[in-house]
Amino acid sequence: MDIKPNMHQYDSYRNHVKSRLVNEVVELQHRVSQLQQSSSRNRDVIISVYQKMIDQKQHFMRDWKMADRAAR
């Protein structure tokens, strides 16, 4: 019995993950922009955490060749 995987199915998952990651990066970048303009007491810590999250997501997308829209 020869079972071949449906590559279109994997492409669909890949596109879904890519889309989700791109949206998350854009949202985090927007939050960073808002925080940079605020006078919140912990803004530097929060910005640092968001930047790390952005970097991790972008690194993942680069590793999996999904980085075409992951630029800052």
PDB file of N, CA and C in Angstrom:
ATOM      1  N   MET A   1       0.845  -1.181   0.000  1.00  0.00           N
ATOM      2  CA  MET A   1       0.000   0.000   0.000  1.00  0.00           C
ATOM      3  C   MET A   1       0.889   1.242   0.000  1.00  0.00           C
ATOM      4  N   ASP A   2       0.762   2.056  -1.019  1.00  0.00           N
ATOM      5  CA  ASP A   2       1.575   3.257  -1.174  1.00  0.00           C
ATOM      6  C   ASP A   2       0.730   4.477  -0.821  1.00  0.00           C
ATOM      7  N   ILE A   3       1.029   5.084   0.321  1.00  0.00           N
ATOM      8  CA  ILE A   3       0.280   6.266   0.755  1.00  0.00           C
ATOM      9  C   ILE A   3       1.174   7.483   0.598  1.00  0.00           C
ATOM     10  N   LYS A   4       0.751   8.404  -0.245  1.00  0.00           N
ATOM     11  CA  LYS A   4       1.509   9.634  -0.454  1.00  0.00           C
ATOM     12  C   LYS A   4       0.811  10.769   0.281  1.00  0.00           C
ATOM     13  N   PRO A   5       1.586  11.573   1.003  1.00  0.00           N
ATOM     14  CA  PRO A   5       0.958  12.694   1.715  1.00  0.00           C
ATOM     15  C   PRO A   5       0.452  13.749   0.739  1.00  0.00           C
ATOM     16  N   ASN A   6      -0.591  14.393   1.120  1.00  0.00           N
ATOM     17  CA  ASN A   6      -1.153  15.489   0.334  1.00  0.00           C
ATOM     18  C   ASN A   6      -0.352  16.755   0.660  1.00  0.00           C
ATOM     19  N   MET A   7       0.555  17.125  -0.245  1.00  0.00           N
ATOM     20  CA  MET A   7       1.430  18.268   0.006  1.00  0.00           C
ATOM     21  C   MET A   7       0.655  19.580   0.096  1.00  0.00           C
ATOM     22  N   HIS A   8      -0.474  19.664  -0.572  1.00  0.00           N
ATOM     23  CA  HIS A   8      -1.290  20.874  -0.482  1.00  0.00           C
ATOM     24  C   HIS A   8      -1.812  21.068   0.937  1.00  0.00           C
ATOM     25  N   GLN A   9      -2.058  19.967   1.616  1.00  0.00           N
ATOM     26  CA  GLN A   9      -2.510  20.052   2.999  1.00  0.00           C
ATOM     27  C   GLN A   9      -1.417  20.684   3.859  1.00  0.00           C
ATOM     28  N   TYR A  10      -0.162  20.282   3.662  1.00  0.00           N
ATOM     29  CA  TYR A  10       0.938  20.851   4.433  1.00  0.00           C
ATOM     30  C   TYR A  10       1.148  22.321   4.082  1.00  0.00           C
ATOM     31  N   ASP A  11       1.003  22.656   2.813  1.00  0.00           N
ATOM     32  CA  ASP A  11       1.111  24.057   2.405  1.00  0.00           C
ATOM     33  C   ASP A  11       0.042  24.900   3.087  1.00  0.00           C
ATOM     34  N   SER A  12      -1.141  24.337   3.223  1.00  0.00           N
ATOM     35  CA  SER A  12      -2.224  25.050   3.885  1.00  0.00           C
ATOM     36  C   SER A  12      -1.875  25.332   5.347  1.00  0.00           C
ATOM     37  N   TYR A  13      -1.340  24.335   6.044  1.00  0.00           N
ATOM     38  CA  TYR A  13      -0.922  24.536   7.436  1.00  0.00           C
ATOM     39  C   TYR A  13       0.187  25.575   7.515  1.00  0.00           C
ATOM     40  N   ARG A  14       1.144  25.456   6.615  1.00  0.00           N
ATOM     41  CA  ARG A  14       2.276  26.382   6.589  1.00  0.00           C
ATOM     42  C   ARG A  14       1.782  27.818   6.364  1.00  0.00           C
ATOM     43  N   ASN A  15       0.875  27.990   5.416  1.00  0.00           N
ATOM     44  CA  ASN A  15       0.331  29.323   5.143  1.00  0.00           C
ATOM     45  C   ASN A  15      -0.440  29.865   6.336  1.00  0.00           C
ATOM     46  N   HIS A  16      -1.173  28.997   7.002  1.00  0.00           N
ATOM     47  CA  HIS A  16      -1.922  29.413   8.189  1.00  0.00           C
ATOM     48  C   HIS A  16      -0.967  29.875   9.290  1.00  0.00           C
ATOM     49  N   VAL A  17       0.069  29.090   9.541  1.00  0.00           N
ATOM     50  CA  VAL A  17       1.047  29.440  10.578  1.00  0.00           C
ATOM     51  C   VAL A  17       1.748  30.746  10.212  1.00  0.00           C
ATOM     52  N   LYS A  18       2.140  30.866   8.963  1.00  0.00           N
ATOM     53  CA  LYS A  18       2.817  32.086   8.507  1.00  0.00           C
ATOM     54  C   LYS A  18       1.922  33.304   8.691  1.00  0.00           C
ATOM     55  N   SER A  19       0.683  33.186   8.276  1.00  0.00           N
ATOM     56  CA  SER A  19      -0.257  34.290   8.402  1.00  0.00           C
ATOM     57  C   SER A  19      -0.440  34.689   9.862  1.00  0.00           C
ATOM     58  N   ARG A  20      -0.576  33.709  10.696  1.00  0.00           N
ATOM     59  CA  ARG A  20      -0.767  33.969  12.129  1.00  0.00           C
ATOM     60  C   ARG A  20       0.456  34.659  12.734  1.00  0.00           C
ATOM     61  N   LEU A  21       1.644  34.156  12.396  1.00  0.00           N
ATOM     62  CA  LEU A  21       2.868  34.753  12.922  1.00  0.00           C
ATOM     63  C   LEU A  21       3.054  36.185  12.432  1.00  0.00           C
ATOM     64  N   VAL A  22       2.793  36.422  11.167  1.00  0.00           N
ATOM     65  CA  VAL A  22       2.922  37.777  10.623  1.00  0.00           C
ATOM     66  C   VAL A  22       1.971  38.721  11.351  1.00  0.00           C
ATOM     67  N   ASN A  23       0.745  38.288  11.566  1.00  0.00           N
ATOM     68  CA  ASN A  23      -0.228  39.119  12.286  1.00  0.00           C
ATOM     69  C   ASN A  23       0.216  39.387  13.716  1.00  0.00           C
ATOM     70  N   GLU A  24       0.770  38.377  14.375  1.00  0.00           N
ATOM     71  CA  GLU A  24       1.249  38.552  15.748  1.00  0.00           C
ATOM     72  C   GLU A  24       2.423  39.528  15.802  1.00  0.00           C
ATOM     73  N   VAL A  25       3.332  39.429  14.845  1.00  0.00           N
ATOM     74  CA  VAL A  25       4.479  40.345  14.808  1.00  0.00           C
ATOM     75  C   VAL A  25       4.000  41.780  14.579  1.00  0.00           C
ATOM     76  N   VAL A  26       3.090  41.961  13.652  1.00  0.00           N
ATOM     77  CA  VAL A  26       2.558  43.299  13.374  1.00  0.00           C
ATOM     78  C   VAL A  26       1.878  43.868  14.621  1.00  0.00           C
ATOM     79  N   GLU A  27       1.097  43.054  15.293  1.00  0.00           N
ATOM     80  CA  GLU A  27       0.409  43.504  16.509  1.00  0.00           C
ATOM     81  C   GLU A  27       1.410  43.875  17.603  1.00  0.00           C
ATOM     82  N   LEU A  28       2.431  43.055  17.796  1.00  0.00           N
ATOM     83  CA  LEU A  28       3.450  43.362  18.803  1.00  0.00           C
ATOM     84  C   LEU A  28       4.208  44.642  18.449  1.00  0.00           C
ATOM     85  N   GLN A  29       4.516  44.834  17.184  1.00  0.00           N
ATOM     86  CA  GLN A  29       5.193  46.059  16.756  1.00  0.00           C
ATOM     87  C   GLN A  29       4.317  47.282  17.024  1.00  0.00           C
ATOM     88  N   HIS A  30       3.034  47.132  16.815  1.00  0.00           N
ATOM     89  CA  HIS A  30       2.092  48.222  17.091  1.00  0.00           C
ATOM     90  C   HIS A  30       2.074  48.536  18.591  1.00  0.00           C
ATOM     91  N   ARG A  31       2.069  47.502  19.409  1.00  0.00           N
ATOM     92  CA  ARG A  31       2.087  47.706  20.863  1.00  0.00           C
ATOM     93  C   ARG A  31       3.370  48.400  21.303  1.00  0.00           C
ATOM     94  N   VAL A  32       4.495  47.999  20.716  1.00  0.00           N
ATOM     95  CA  VAL A  32       5.774  48.637  21.043  1.00  0.00           C
ATOM     96  C   VAL A  32       5.717  50.122  20.689  1.00  0.00           C
ATOM     97  N   SER A  33       5.183  50.435  19.529  1.00  0.00           N
ATOM     98  CA  SER A  33       5.061  51.840  19.107  1.00  0.00           C
ATOM     99  C   SER A  33       4.212  52.637  20.092  1.00  0.00           C
ATOM    100  N   GLN A  34       3.118  52.050  20.513  1.00  0.00           N
ATOM    101  CA  GLN A  34       2.250  52.728  21.477  1.00  0.00           C
ATOM    102  C   GLN A  34       2.958  52.920  22.813  1.00  0.00           C
ATOM    103  N   LEU A  35       3.663  51.905  23.262  1.00  0.00           N
ATOM    104  CA  LEU A  35       4.365  52.003  24.540  1.00  0.00           C
ATOM    105  C   LEU A  35       5.489  53.033  24.494  1.00  0.00           C
ATOM    106  N   GLN A  36       6.152  53.153  23.366  1.00  0.00           N
ATOM    107  CA  GLN A  36       7.240  54.123  23.242  1.00  0.00           C
ATOM    108  C   GLN A  36       6.732  55.548  23.410  1.00  0.00           C
ATOM    109  N   GLN A  37       5.471  55.765  23.136  1.00  0.00           N
ATOM    110  CA  GLN A  37       4.886  57.098  23.262  1.00  0.00           C
ATOM    111  C   GLN A  37       4.193  57.305  24.605  1.00  0.00           C
ATOM    112  N   SER A  38       4.145  56.276  25.419  1.00  0.00           N
ATOM    113  CA  SER A  38       3.446  56.387  26.697  1.00  0.00           C
ATOM    114  C   SER A  38       4.425  56.737  27.816  1.00  0.00           C
ATOM    115  N   SER A  39       3.861  57.042  28.964  1.00  0.00           N
ATOM    116  CA  SER A  39       4.685  57.332  30.136  1.00  0.00           C
ATOM    117  C   SER A  39       4.498  56.257  31.204  1.00  0.00           C
ATOM    118  N   SER A  40       4.163  55.073  30.769  1.00  0.00           N
ATOM    119  CA  SER A  40       3.952  53.954  31.684  1.00  0.00           C
ATOM    120  C   SER A  40       5.216  53.685  32.497  1.00  0.00           C
ATOM    121  N   ARG A  41       5.009  53.332  33.740  1.00  0.00           N
ATOM    122  CA  ARG A  41       6.134  53.125  34.651  1.00  0.00           C
ATOM    123  C   ARG A  41       7.005  51.956  34.221  1.00  0.00           C
ATOM    124  N   ASN A  42       6.412  50.897  33.713  1.00  0.00           N
ATOM    125  CA  ASN A  42       7.155  49.687  33.347  1.00  0.00           C
ATOM    126  C   ASN A  42       7.332  49.541  31.838  1.00  0.00           C
ATOM    127  N   ARG A  43       7.215  50.609  31.134  1.00  0.00           N
ATOM    128  CA  ARG A  43       7.216  50.520  29.673  1.00  0.00           C
ATOM    129  C   ARG A  43       8.492  49.918  29.109  1.00  0.00           C
ATOM    130  N   ASP A  44       9.650  50.230  29.677  1.00  0.00           N
ATOM    131  CA  ASP A  44      10.907  49.697  29.143  1.00  0.00           C
ATOM    132  C   ASP A  44      10.982  48.181  29.286  1.00  0.00           C
ATOM    133  N   VAL A  45      10.489  47.673  30.395  1.00  0.00           N
ATOM    134  CA  VAL A  45      10.480  46.223  30.613  1.00  0.00           C
ATOM    135  C   VAL A  45       9.522  45.553  29.633  1.00  0.00           C
ATOM    136  N   ILE A  46       8.348  46.120  29.485  1.00  0.00           N
ATOM    137  CA  ILE A  46       7.344  45.551  28.584  1.00  0.00           C
ATOM    138  C   ILE A  46       7.837  45.602  27.137  1.00  0.00           C
ATOM    139  N   ILE A  47       8.430  46.714  26.744  1.00  0.00           N
ATOM    140  CA  ILE A  47       8.973  46.834  25.386  1.00  0.00           C
ATOM    141  C   ILE A  47      10.046  45.785  25.153  1.00  0.00           C
ATOM    142  N   SER A  48      10.895  45.584  26.135  1.00  0.00           N
ATOM    143  CA  SER A  48      11.956  44.578  26.017  1.00  0.00           C
ATOM    144  C   SER A  48      11.378  43.179  25.808  1.00  0.00           C
ATOM    145  N   VAL A  49      10.351  42.854  26.562  1.00  0.00           N
ATOM    146  CA  VAL A  49       9.707  41.542  26.428  1.00  0.00           C
ATOM    147  C   VAL A  49       9.063  41.410  25.048  1.00  0.00           C
ATOM    148  N   TYR A  50       8.359  42.443  24.617  1.00  0.00           N
ATOM    149  CA  TYR A  50       7.736  42.411  23.288  1.00  0.00           C
ATOM    150  C   TYR A  50       8.786  42.274  22.191  1.00  0.00           C
ATOM    151  N   GLN A  51       9.906  42.984  22.326  1.00  0.00           N
ATOM    152  CA  GLN A  51      10.970  42.888  21.320  1.00  0.00           C
ATOM    153  C   GLN A  51      11.539  41.474  21.255  1.00  0.00           C
ATOM    154  N   LYS A  52      11.690  40.840  22.404  1.00  0.00           N
ATOM    155  CA  LYS A  52      12.170  39.450  22.424  1.00  0.00           C
ATOM    156  C   LYS A  52      11.173  38.527  21.734  1.00  0.00           C
ATOM    157  N   MET A  53       9.893  38.747  21.983  1.00  0.00           N
ATOM    158  CA  MET A  53       8.868  37.937  21.332  1.00  0.00           C
ATOM    159  C   MET A  53       8.897  38.145  19.819  1.00  0.00           C
ATOM    160  N   ILE A  54       9.037  39.393  19.397  1.00  0.00           N
ATOM    161  CA  ILE A  54       9.122  39.698  17.966  1.00  0.00           C
ATOM    162  C   ILE A  54      10.328  39.000  17.360  1.00  0.00           C
ATOM    163  N   ASP A  55      11.469  39.120  18.031  1.00  0.00           N
ATOM    164  CA  ASP A  55      12.698  38.496  17.522  1.00  0.00           C
ATOM    165  C   ASP A  55      12.554  36.981  17.404  1.00  0.00           C
ATOM    166  N   GLN A  56      11.942  36.358  18.406  1.00  0.00           N
ATOM    167  CA  GLN A  56      11.755  34.900  18.370  1.00  0.00           C
ATOM    168  C   GLN A  56      10.845  34.489  17.218  1.00  0.00           C
ATOM    169  N   LYS A  57       9.769  35.215  17.033  1.00  0.00           N
ATOM    170  CA  LYS A  57       8.837  34.885  15.945  1.00  0.00           C
ATOM    171  C   LYS A  57       9.501  35.098  14.584  1.00  0.00           C
ATOM    172  N   GLN A  58      10.250  36.180  14.444  1.00  0.00           N
ATOM    173  CA  GLN A  58      10.937  36.436  13.181  1.00  0.00           C
ATOM    174  C   GLN A  58      12.022  35.391  12.924  1.00  0.00           C
ATOM    175  N   HIS A  59      12.723  35.000  13.965  1.00  0.00           N
ATOM    176  CA  HIS A  59      13.747  33.962  13.824  1.00  0.00           C
ATOM    177  C   HIS A  59      13.107  32.649  13.362  1.00  0.00           C
ATOM    178  N   PHE A  60      11.991  32.288  13.964  1.00  0.00           N
ATOM    179  CA  PHE A  60      11.274  31.078  13.564  1.00  0.00           C
ATOM    180  C   PHE A  60      10.871  31.160  12.091  1.00  0.00           C
ATOM    181  N   MET A  61      10.333  32.314  11.694  1.00  0.00           N
ATOM    182  CA  MET A  61       9.900  32.465  10.303  1.00  0.00           C
ATOM    183  C   MET A  61      11.082  32.410   9.334  1.00  0.00           C
ATOM    184  N   ARG A  62      12.215  32.977   9.731  1.00  0.00           N
ATOM    185  CA  ARG A  62      13.410  32.882   8.874  1.00  0.00           C
ATOM    186  C   ARG A  62      13.872  31.439   8.755  1.00  0.00           C
ATOM    187  N   ASP A  63      13.901  30.727   9.883  1.00  0.00           N
ATOM    188  CA  ASP A  63      14.338  29.326   9.867  1.00  0.00           C
ATOM    189  C   ASP A  63      13.458  28.464   8.977  1.00  0.00           C
ATOM    190  N   TRP A  64      12.175  28.771   8.940  1.00  0.00           N
ATOM    191  CA  TRP A  64      11.230  27.983   8.147  1.00  0.00           C
ATOM    192  C   TRP A  64      10.880  28.664   6.829  1.00  0.00           C
ATOM    193  N   LYS A  65      11.698  29.645   6.461  1.00  0.00           N
ATOM    194  CA  LYS A  65      11.558  30.351   5.176  1.00  0.00           C
ATOM    195  C   LYS A  65      10.159  30.959   4.993  1.00  0.00           C
ATOM    196  N   MET A  66       9.713  31.619   6.040  1.00  0.00           N
ATOM    197  CA  MET A  66       8.430  32.319   6.024  1.00  0.00           C
ATOM    198  C   MET A  66       8.644  33.821   6.229  1.00  0.00           C
ATOM    199  N   ALA A  67       9.850  34.293   6.047  1.00  0.00           N
ATOM    200  CA  ALA A  67      10.221  35.631   6.504  1.00  0.00           C
ATOM    201  C   ALA A  67       9.929  36.763   5.536  1.00  0.00           C
ATOM    202  N   ASP A  68       9.242  36.528   4.444  1.00  0.00           N
ATOM    203  CA  ASP A  68       9.083  37.593   3.462  1.00  0.00           C
ATOM    204  C   ASP A  68       8.323  38.803   3.983  1.00  0.00           C
ATOM    205  N   ARG A  69       7.485  38.637   5.014  1.00  0.00           N
ATOM    206  CA  ARG A  69       6.773  39.784   5.595  1.00  0.00           C
ATOM    207  C   ARG A  69       7.107  39.963   7.058  1.00  0.00           C
ATOM    208  N   ALA A  70       8.223  39.413   7.503  1.00  0.00           N
ATOM    209  CA  ALA A  70       8.559  39.454   8.922  1.00  0.00           C
ATOM    210  C   ALA A  70       9.520  40.579   9.269  1.00  0.00           C
ATOM    211  N   ALA A  71       9.727  41.505   8.366  1.00  0.00           N
ATOM    212  CA  ALA A  71      10.679  42.579   8.626  1.00  0.00           C
ATOM    213  C   ALA A  71      10.101  43.590   9.597  1.00  0.00           C
ATOM    214  N   ARG A  72      10.984  44.235  10.334  1.00  0.00           N
ATOM    215  CA  ARG A  72      10.565  45.282  11.265  1.00  0.00           C
ATOM    216  C   ARG A  72      10.318  46.565  10.558  1.00  0.00           C
TER     217      ARG A  72
END
